[in-house]
């Protein structure tokens, strides 16, 4: 039994950190991996709520939109307005009906963004829950799960859990050096038969590589399987027309396109043969898919963010892509010995994954605390492990550990990019120089 007052083990600086001048006493205070935007507390005690307003620190250049986007003003205003009104969306009285109308409007706004029917949208706590709902419902009647080696853990780990007792029922598709799924590999996996669902992401969270979903969904349907896509990184950043792309199930998270954290949705195409398989049982909300009182404030914020993203999508795509290209070209030209990971022709407009050879990513990020970006490697239970995405693309462990992901979005500016260029060049050069110093 551990004492509640026992000291937690402290992380220790590596040799690289020591060479950069960081000590045991100060290095852990610096920004490290998976840094979130700073939070300013705005005390608004209305209807018993204390509201935390997320703002960007003027001293921080935030280029980590794939982790979470700053909340759009429209989303914040809509969520706060909902908080000012009491009402359970399942209640029959006037306050309840008002809350239900707010939820209905948000459902319509999300549906408009995807060009689907509002009745096909199920609100969840996020894409992780939506992914679980989709895969568990499809697998509940038996059959094989097909997915790829570069999926988000919310899909990969769910698929592994579902097939833990029958590992042959999970088929993983390989990708090429550009991170693209081979349709011939999918045809081969489907040819074995008895496939319940194919789940392939729309846009990769680490590299931004896009998947051409239409032919893959067609192949799955021809084999009698359902097709699901985790579109978390694509929705609100590129057009997604569900009247054109014949996927059966789609997952999204509002905070990726400027909505609140903790809200997402699952699209379930009307008419598909799929028994709902809830993770949470209770009052039967969301047509039985998800029991529990609806998060009206979060849902209305998500709807407002969807509407705002929809309105400005065309302009945002072009502007953000130009900023990404400027950042990328400057870093490659000034630093040399760099590699852009993933297809340059098929990727999200604001994402670049760059390997800085000879400069471990954790040291680079530590050396530029004024820039919020992410490592190309993930952390699991405190133990660093190389990115499964980059390894699946054929990169070495050293390359994966030297990769930084920059992700831009709707509020990114030229000033952000200029600052990131200067800070990254300085940090990479500093780390490379430190590694060249003998101990």
Protein backbone atom coordinates (compact mmCIF):
# COMPACT_ATOMS: atom_id res chain seq x y z
CA UNK A 1 0.00 0.00 0.00
CA UNK A 2 1.50 3.33 -1.04
CA UNK A 3 1.31 6.20 1.38
CA UNK A 4 -0.76 9.11 0.00
CA UNK A 5 2.03 11.41 1.16
CA UNK A 6 4.81 9.47 -0.53
CA UNK A 7 6.88 11.53 -2.93
CA UNK A 8 6.42 10.73 -6.58
CA UNK A 9 9.62 9.88 -8.47
CA UNK A 10 11.06 12.93 -10.17
CA UNK A 11 12.14 12.88 -13.76
CA UNK A 12 15.85 13.40 -14.27
CA UNK A 13 17.51 15.57 -16.90
CA UNK A 14 19.30 13.68 -19.65
CA UNK A 15 22.89 14.32 -20.71
CA UNK A 16 21.56 16.57 -23.45
CA UNK A 17 19.57 18.65 -20.98
CA UNK A 18 22.64 19.06 -18.75
CA UNK A 19 24.72 20.19 -21.72
CA UNK A 20 22.04 22.75 -22.53
CA UNK A 21 22.47 24.21 -19.03
CA UNK A 22 19.42 22.71 -17.31
CA UNK A 23 19.88 21.24 -13.82
CA UNK A 24 18.07 18.77 -11.61
CA UNK A 25 16.43 21.72 -9.89
CA UNK A 26 15.13 23.62 -12.91
CA UNK A 27 14.75 21.39 -15.94
CA UNK A 28 11.43 19.80 -14.93
CA UNK A 29 9.84 23.26 -14.61
CA UNK A 30 10.32 23.91 -18.31
CA UNK A 31 7.61 23.06 -20.88
CA UNK A 32 7.80 19.42 -21.95
CA UNK A 33 5.89 17.15 -24.24
CA UNK A 34 2.16 17.49 -24.79
CA UNK A 35 2.07 21.04 -23.43
CA UNK A 36 -1.44 22.53 -23.40
CA UNK A 37 -2.30 26.18 -24.06
CA UNK A 38 -2.04 28.29 -20.92
CA UNK A 39 -5.24 28.76 -18.98
CA UNK A 40 -6.44 32.06 -17.59
CA UNK A 41 -9.02 31.75 -14.86
CA UNK A 42 -12.10 33.90 -15.28
CA UNK A 43 -14.24 33.61 -12.17
CA UNK A 44 -17.86 33.72 -13.33
CA UNK A 45 -20.05 32.47 -10.50
CA UNK A 46 -23.33 32.38 -12.31
CA UNK A 47 -25.86 29.61 -11.69
CA UNK A 48 -23.23 27.99 -9.47
CA UNK A 49 -20.62 27.63 -12.23
CA UNK A 50 -16.99 28.64 -12.16
CA UNK A 51 -15.99 29.00 -15.78
CA UNK A 52 -12.44 28.43 -16.97
CA UNK A 53 -11.72 30.48 -20.05
CA UNK A 54 -8.89 29.20 -22.23
CA UNK A 55 -6.71 31.93 -23.64
CA UNK A 56 -3.39 31.97 -25.42
CA UNK A 57 -0.44 33.45 -23.54
CA UNK A 58 0.94 36.35 -25.57
CA UNK A 59 4.44 35.02 -24.87
CA UNK A 60 3.72 31.57 -26.30
CA UNK A 61 3.60 30.67 -29.98
CA UNK A 62 0.97 27.95 -30.13
CA UNK A 63 1.45 25.46 -32.98
CA UNK A 64 -0.16 22.34 -31.52
CA UNK A 65 -3.64 22.38 -33.05
CA UNK A 66 -3.60 18.63 -33.59
CA UNK A 67 -3.52 18.29 -29.80
CA UNK A 68 -6.25 20.87 -29.27
CA UNK A 69 -7.29 24.12 -30.92
CA UNK A 70 -7.94 27.35 -29.01
CA UNK A 71 -11.65 27.74 -28.40
CA UNK A 72 -13.34 29.92 -30.99
CA UNK A 73 -15.05 33.04 -29.62
CA UNK A 74 -18.36 31.83 -31.08
CA UNK A 75 -18.05 28.54 -29.19
CA UNK A 76 -17.20 30.25 -25.92
CA UNK A 77 -20.14 32.66 -26.21
CA UNK A 78 -22.58 29.86 -27.03
CA UNK A 79 -21.39 27.68 -24.14
CA UNK A 80 -21.54 30.54 -21.65
CA UNK A 81 -25.03 31.50 -22.82
CA UNK A 82 -26.18 27.92 -22.19
CA UNK A 83 -24.64 27.97 -18.73
CA UNK A 84 -26.73 31.00 -17.84
CA UNK A 85 -29.94 29.03 -18.39
CA UNK A 86 -30.90 26.10 -16.19
CA UNK A 87 -32.57 23.15 -17.86
CA UNK A 88 -32.24 19.43 -18.53
CA UNK A 89 -32.73 18.69 -22.23
CA UNK A 90 -34.85 15.65 -21.30
CA UNK A 91 -37.33 17.65 -19.17
CA UNK A 92 -40.77 18.50 -20.53
CA UNK A 93 -41.10 21.97 -18.97
CA UNK A 94 -40.12 25.23 -20.64
CA UNK A 95 -36.53 25.28 -19.35
CA UNK A 96 -36.03 21.72 -20.51
CA UNK A 97 -37.50 22.49 -23.92
CA UNK A 98 -35.17 25.48 -24.24
CA UNK A 99 -32.16 23.27 -23.48
CA UNK A 100 -33.42 20.68 -25.98
CA UNK A 101 -33.74 23.37 -28.65
CA UNK A 102 -30.14 24.43 -28.06
CA UNK A 103 -29.04 20.81 -28.50
CA UNK A 104 -31.15 20.46 -31.66
CA UNK A 105 -29.59 23.59 -33.13
CA UNK A 106 -26.08 22.30 -32.37
CA UNK A 107 -26.94 18.95 -33.92
CA UNK A 108 -28.06 20.77 -37.06
CA UNK A 109 -24.83 22.83 -37.14
CA UNK A 110 -22.63 19.74 -36.90
CA UNK A 111 -24.74 18.00 -39.55
CA UNK A 112 -24.39 21.01 -41.87
CA UNK A 113 -20.62 20.83 -41.55
CA UNK A 114 -20.72 17.19 -42.68
CA UNK A 115 -23.68 17.50 -45.09
CA UNK A 116 -25.75 14.84 -43.38
CA UNK A 117 -29.06 14.67 -41.52
CA UNK A 118 -29.16 15.94 -37.91
CA UNK A 119 -30.81 12.65 -36.95
CA UNK A 120 -27.60 10.85 -37.91
CA UNK A 121 -25.52 12.67 -35.25
CA UNK A 122 -24.99 11.10 -31.80
CA UNK A 123 -23.28 13.38 -29.28
CA UNK A 124 -20.50 11.82 -27.19
CA UNK A 125 -17.69 12.94 -24.89
CA UNK A 126 -15.24 12.93 -27.79
CA UNK A 127 -13.83 10.89 -30.65
CA UNK A 128 -12.37 8.23 -28.35
CA UNK A 129 -15.83 7.35 -27.10
CA UNK A 130 -17.26 7.59 -30.63
CA UNK A 131 -14.57 5.22 -31.94
CA UNK A 132 -15.36 2.75 -29.17
CA UNK A 133 -19.09 2.93 -29.87
CA UNK A 134 -18.59 2.36 -33.60
CA UNK A 135 -16.19 -0.57 -33.33
CA UNK A 136 -17.98 -2.29 -30.46
CA UNK A 137 -21.37 -2.04 -32.14
CA UNK A 138 -20.05 -3.47 -35.42
CA UNK A 139 -18.12 -6.24 -33.68
CA UNK A 140 -21.02 -7.21 -31.40
CA UNK A 141 -22.39 -9.52 -34.08
CA UNK A 142 -18.98 -11.14 -34.65
CA UNK A 143 -16.54 -10.96 -37.52
CA UNK A 144 -13.12 -9.56 -38.26
CA UNK A 145 -11.89 -6.00 -37.65
CA UNK A 146 -9.62 -4.45 -40.27
CA UNK A 147 -7.66 -1.29 -39.51
CA UNK A 148 -4.19 0.11 -40.21
CA UNK A 149 -0.89 0.26 -38.35
CA UNK A 150 -0.98 4.08 -38.18
CA UNK A 151 -4.36 4.59 -36.51
CA UNK A 152 -4.84 6.60 -33.35
CA UNK A 153 -4.70 4.46 -30.17
CA UNK A 154 -8.43 5.10 -29.69
CA UNK A 155 -8.98 2.79 -32.67
CA UNK A 156 -5.97 0.49 -32.42
CA UNK A 157 -6.34 -0.29 -28.73
CA UNK A 158 -10.10 -0.75 -29.04
CA UNK A 159 -9.62 -3.16 -31.92
CA UNK A 160 -7.00 -5.11 -29.98
CA UNK A 161 -9.28 -5.29 -26.95
CA UNK A 162 -12.22 -6.54 -29.00
CA UNK A 163 -10.13 -9.31 -30.55
CA UNK A 164 -8.00 -10.16 -27.50
CA UNK A 165 -9.36 -13.70 -27.26
CA UNK A 166 -9.35 -14.20 -31.04
CA UNK A 167 -6.26 -12.35 -32.30
CA UNK A 168 -6.74 -13.73 -35.81
CA UNK A 169 -9.87 -11.60 -36.00
CA UNK A 170 -7.75 -8.43 -36.21
CA UNK A 171 -6.07 -7.61 -39.51
CA UNK A 172 -3.70 -4.65 -39.66
CA UNK A 173 -2.97 -2.97 -42.98
CA UNK A 174 0.54 -1.71 -43.66
CA UNK A 175 1.32 1.73 -45.08
CA UNK A 176 4.05 2.84 -47.46
CA UNK A 177 6.90 5.27 -46.72
CA UNK A 178 4.51 8.19 -47.31
CA UNK A 179 2.00 6.85 -44.78
CA UNK A 180 -0.59 5.87 -47.40
CA UNK A 181 -2.74 2.75 -47.09
CA UNK A 182 -2.47 0.37 -50.04
CA UNK A 183 -5.90 -0.52 -51.44
CA UNK A 184 -4.50 -3.83 -52.71
CA UNK A 185 -3.67 -4.69 -49.11
CA UNK A 186 -7.26 -3.96 -48.14
CA UNK A 187 -8.59 -6.18 -50.94
CA UNK A 188 -6.33 -9.00 -49.73
CA UNK A 189 -7.55 -8.62 -46.13
CA UNK A 190 -11.18 -8.53 -47.25
CA UNK A 191 -10.77 -11.64 -49.39
CA UNK A 192 -10.44 -13.79 -46.24
CA UNK A 193 -14.12 -13.04 -45.59
CA UNK A 194 -16.27 -12.57 -42.47
CA UNK A 195 -15.31 -8.91 -41.97
CA UNK A 196 -17.47 -6.90 -39.57
CA UNK A 197 -15.90 -3.48 -40.02
CA UNK A 198 -13.07 -1.63 -41.71
CA UNK A 199 -11.82 1.40 -39.76
CA UNK A 200 -9.35 3.79 -41.43
CA UNK A 201 -8.60 7.34 -40.35
CA UNK A 202 -9.31 10.33 -42.59
CA UNK A 203 -6.24 12.32 -41.58
CA UNK A 204 -3.29 11.17 -39.50
CA UNK A 205 -2.79 12.97 -36.20
CA UNK A 206 1.03 12.81 -36.36
CA UNK A 207 1.84 13.40 -40.03
CA UNK A 208 -1.36 14.94 -41.40
CA UNK A 209 -1.42 12.35 -44.21
CA UNK A 210 -4.88 12.01 -45.76
CA UNK A 211 -6.62 8.78 -46.73
CA UNK A 212 -8.63 8.54 -49.94
CA UNK A 213 -11.66 7.06 -48.25
CA UNK A 214 -14.08 6.63 -51.16
CA UNK A 215 -12.44 3.62 -52.90
CA UNK A 216 -11.67 1.98 -49.56
CA UNK A 217 -15.28 2.30 -48.39
CA UNK A 218 -16.46 0.93 -51.73
CA UNK A 219 -14.19 -2.10 -51.36
CA UNK A 220 -15.43 -2.72 -47.81
CA UNK A 221 -19.08 -2.52 -48.85
CA UNK A 222 -18.47 -4.88 -51.77
CA UNK A 223 -17.23 -7.42 -49.22
CA UNK A 224 -20.28 -6.91 -47.00
CA UNK A 225 -18.42 -4.96 -44.29
CA UNK A 226 -19.23 -1.66 -42.60
CA UNK A 227 -16.80 1.23 -43.01
CA UNK A 228 -15.82 3.60 -40.20
CA UNK A 229 -13.46 6.55 -40.26
CA UNK A 230 -11.88 8.45 -37.41
CA UNK A 231 -12.12 11.93 -38.94
CA UNK A 232 -11.02 13.78 -35.81
CA UNK A 233 -8.20 15.69 -37.51
CA UNK A 234 -10.05 16.39 -40.75
CA UNK A 235 -13.49 17.66 -39.72
CA UNK A 236 -13.53 21.46 -39.66
CA UNK A 237 -10.18 21.67 -41.46
CA UNK A 238 -11.05 20.28 -44.89
CA UNK A 239 -14.46 19.77 -46.52
CA UNK A 240 -16.08 16.45 -45.66
CA UNK A 241 -19.25 15.70 -47.61
CA UNK A 242 -21.05 12.61 -46.36
CA UNK A 243 -23.30 12.71 -49.40
CA UNK A 244 -20.20 12.04 -51.51
CA UNK A 245 -18.11 9.80 -49.24
CA UNK A 246 -20.08 6.65 -48.44
CA UNK A 247 -18.82 5.90 -44.94
CA UNK A 248 -21.22 4.24 -42.50
CA UNK A 249 -19.75 5.66 -39.29
CA UNK A 250 -17.61 8.71 -38.56
CA UNK A 251 -16.04 9.99 -35.34
CA UNK A 252 -15.11 13.57 -34.46
CA UNK A 253 -14.04 15.77 -31.53
CA UNK A 254 -15.15 19.38 -31.21
CA UNK A 255 -11.96 20.68 -29.62
CA UNK A 256 -9.95 19.97 -32.78
CA UNK A 257 -11.84 22.68 -34.68
CA UNK A 258 -12.26 25.22 -31.91
CA UNK A 259 -15.04 23.78 -29.77
CA UNK A 260 -14.91 22.80 -26.10
CA UNK A 261 -12.95 19.81 -24.90
CA UNK A 262 -14.98 16.82 -23.76
CA UNK A 263 -17.56 16.92 -26.58
CA UNK A 264 -17.62 14.86 -29.76
CA UNK A 265 -19.98 13.02 -32.04
CA UNK A 266 -20.56 9.78 -33.88
CA UNK A 267 -22.23 9.88 -37.30
CA UNK A 268 -24.34 6.77 -37.91
CA UNK A 269 -25.69 6.59 -41.45
CA UNK A 270 -29.43 6.05 -41.51
CA UNK A 271 -30.47 2.64 -42.78
CA UNK A 272 -27.31 0.64 -42.03
CA UNK A 273 -27.71 -2.74 -40.34
CA UNK A 274 -26.06 -1.98 -37.02
CA UNK A 275 -27.41 -2.82 -33.56
CA UNK A 276 -26.56 -0.07 -31.12
CA UNK A 277 -24.21 -1.27 -28.42
CA UNK A 278 -23.99 1.44 -25.72
CA UNK A 279 -21.04 1.78 -23.41
CA UNK A 280 -23.20 3.55 -20.82
CA UNK A 281 -26.66 2.33 -19.80
CA UNK A 282 -29.36 4.43 -18.22
CA UNK A 283 -32.05 6.80 -19.45
CA UNK A 284 -31.72 6.04 -23.14
CA UNK A 285 -30.63 9.47 -24.35
CA UNK A 286 -29.23 9.89 -27.88
CA UNK A 287 -31.63 7.24 -29.20
CA UNK A 288 -30.21 4.65 -26.83
CA UNK A 289 -26.61 5.07 -27.96
CA UNK A 290 -25.47 7.06 -24.93
CA UNK A 291 -27.33 7.35 -21.64
CA UNK A 292 -26.87 10.33 -19.35
CA UNK A 293 -27.92 13.98 -19.08
CA UNK A 294 -26.78 15.85 -22.15
CA UNK A 295 -23.90 18.31 -21.77
CA UNK A 296 -25.90 21.25 -23.14
CA UNK A 297 -23.19 23.89 -22.71
CA UNK A 298 -20.52 21.73 -24.34
CA UNK A 299 -22.81 20.63 -27.16
CA UNK A 300 -23.91 24.18 -27.98
CA UNK A 301 -20.27 25.25 -27.98
CA UNK A 302 -19.47 22.39 -30.37
CA UNK A 303 -22.30 23.45 -32.67
CA UNK A 304 -21.17 27.07 -32.72
CA UNK A 305 -17.59 25.99 -33.50
CA UNK A 306 -18.85 23.78 -36.34
CA UNK A 307 -20.83 26.69 -37.81
CA UNK A 308 -17.83 29.03 -37.56
CA UNK A 309 -15.49 26.49 -39.14
CA UNK A 310 -17.98 25.88 -41.94
CA UNK A 311 -18.29 29.59 -42.75
CA UNK A 312 -14.57 30.26 -42.99
CA UNK A 313 -13.31 26.91 -44.26
CA UNK A 314 -12.21 27.83 -47.78
CA UNK A 315 -10.23 30.87 -46.64
CA UNK A 316 -8.71 29.04 -43.69
CA UNK A 317 -7.48 26.13 -45.82
CA UNK A 318 -5.54 28.36 -48.22
CA UNK A 319 -4.14 30.67 -45.54
CA UNK A 320 -3.07 27.92 -43.13
CA UNK A 321 -1.43 25.89 -45.93
CA UNK A 322 0.63 28.94 -46.96
CA UNK A 323 1.81 29.43 -43.38
CA UNK A 324 2.69 25.72 -43.04
CA UNK A 325 4.68 25.79 -46.28
CA UNK A 326 6.55 28.92 -45.15
CA UNK A 327 7.49 27.30 -41.84
CA UNK A 328 8.54 24.07 -43.50
CA UNK A 329 10.65 25.58 -46.26
CA UNK A 330 12.46 27.97 -43.90
CA UNK A 331 13.40 25.23 -41.44
CA UNK A 332 14.61 22.82 -44.13
CA UNK A 333 16.61 25.53 -45.88
CA UNK A 334 18.19 27.02 -42.76
CA UNK A 335 18.90 23.85 -40.80
CA UNK A 336 19.61 21.18 -43.40
CA UNK A 337 19.67 17.46 -42.65
CA UNK A 338 15.89 17.45 -42.17
CA UNK A 339 13.15 15.20 -43.48
CA UNK A 340 9.47 15.95 -43.97
CA UNK A 341 7.46 12.88 -43.01
CA UNK A 342 4.46 11.76 -45.03
CA UNK A 343 3.02 12.45 -48.44
CA UNK A 344 3.50 16.06 -49.52
CA UNK A 345 0.56 15.79 -51.93
CA UNK A 346 -2.07 14.32 -49.59
CA UNK A 347 -2.03 15.94 -46.16
CA UNK A 348 -3.86 18.34 -43.91
CA UNK A 349 -3.15 22.00 -44.67
CA UNK A 350 -1.72 22.94 -41.27
CA UNK A 351 0.43 19.94 -40.33
CA UNK A 352 4.12 19.23 -40.83
CA UNK A 353 6.12 16.43 -39.24
CA UNK A 354 9.84 17.22 -39.44
CA UNK A 355 12.74 14.98 -38.46
CA UNK A 356 15.77 17.02 -37.35
CA UNK A 357 18.58 14.51 -37.66
CA UNK A 358 21.00 14.67 -34.75
CA UNK A 359 18.59 16.60 -32.51
CA UNK A 360 16.32 14.60 -30.18
CA UNK A 361 12.85 16.13 -30.14
CA UNK A 362 12.51 16.32 -26.35
CA UNK A 363 15.70 18.36 -26.14
CA UNK A 364 14.64 20.63 -29.00
CA UNK A 365 11.27 21.35 -27.38
CA UNK A 366 12.92 21.98 -24.02
CA UNK A 367 15.29 24.45 -25.68
CA UNK A 368 12.39 26.48 -27.14
CA UNK A 369 9.89 26.97 -24.30
CA UNK A 370 8.26 29.84 -26.21
CA UNK A 371 6.87 27.47 -28.86
CA UNK A 372 4.15 24.88 -28.21
CA UNK A 373 4.66 21.91 -30.54
CA UNK A 374 4.72 18.14 -30.05
CA UNK A 375 7.19 15.31 -30.27
CA UNK A 376 6.87 12.76 -33.01
CA UNK A 377 7.01 10.12 -30.28
CA UNK A 378 4.34 9.29 -27.75
CA UNK A 379 4.57 8.65 -24.03
CA UNK A 380 2.84 5.70 -22.43
CA UNK A 381 2.72 5.33 -18.65
CA UNK A 382 5.72 7.64 -18.36
CA UNK A 383 7.96 5.40 -20.48
CA UNK A 384 9.06 6.99 -23.76
CA UNK A 385 8.45 4.89 -26.84
CA UNK A 386 8.98 5.79 -30.48
CA UNK A 387 6.03 6.84 -32.61
CA UNK A 388 4.21 3.77 -33.92
CA UNK A 389 3.16 5.86 -36.93
CA UNK A 390 6.70 6.75 -37.97
CA UNK A 391 7.96 3.22 -37.34
CA UNK A 392 5.16 1.86 -39.52
CA UNK A 393 6.33 4.23 -42.27
CA UNK A 394 9.80 2.69 -42.10
CA UNK A 395 11.57 5.33 -40.01
CA UNK A 396 14.21 4.26 -37.51
CA UNK A 397 13.78 4.71 -33.78
CA UNK A 398 16.40 7.47 -33.85
CA UNK A 399 14.49 9.28 -36.60
CA UNK A 400 11.21 8.90 -34.74
CA UNK A 401 12.76 10.28 -31.56
CA UNK A 402 14.09 13.29 -33.49
CA UNK A 403 10.77 14.32 -34.99
CA UNK A 404 8.71 17.39 -34.09
CA UNK A 405 5.12 17.94 -35.20
CA UNK A 406 3.97 21.49 -35.85
CA UNK A 407 0.25 21.93 -36.40
CA UNK A 408 -1.35 25.24 -37.33
CA UNK A 409 -4.98 26.28 -37.39
CA UNK A 410 -7.60 28.96 -37.75
CA UNK A 411 -5.95 31.49 -35.40
CA UNK A 412 -2.33 30.97 -36.54
CA UNK A 413 -0.59 34.07 -37.91
CA UNK A 414 2.50 35.01 -39.90
CA UNK A 415 3.98 36.34 -36.65
CA UNK A 416 3.51 32.89 -35.07
CA UNK A 417 5.35 31.27 -37.94
CA UNK A 418 8.20 33.80 -37.91
CA UNK A 419 8.69 33.28 -34.17
CA UNK A 420 8.54 29.49 -34.54
CA UNK A 421 11.13 29.59 -37.33
CA UNK A 422 13.56 31.67 -35.27
CA UNK A 423 13.09 29.64 -32.08
CA UNK A 424 13.31 26.25 -33.80
CA UNK A 425 16.46 27.15 -35.73
CA UNK A 426 18.10 28.36 -32.53
CA UNK A 427 16.99 25.28 -30.56
CA UNK A 428 18.04 22.68 -33.14
CA UNK A 429 21.43 24.29 -33.58
CA UNK A 430 21.88 24.44 -29.82
CA UNK A 431 21.02 20.76 -29.38
CA UNK A 432 23.20 19.63 -32.28
CA UNK A 433 26.11 21.64 -30.88
CA UNK A 434 25.58 20.18 -27.41
CA UNK A 435 25.62 16.64 -28.76
CA UNK A 436 28.91 17.33 -30.51
CA UNK A 437 30.59 18.21 -27.17
CA UNK A 438 32.47 15.24 -25.63
CA UNK A 439 31.56 14.34 -22.08
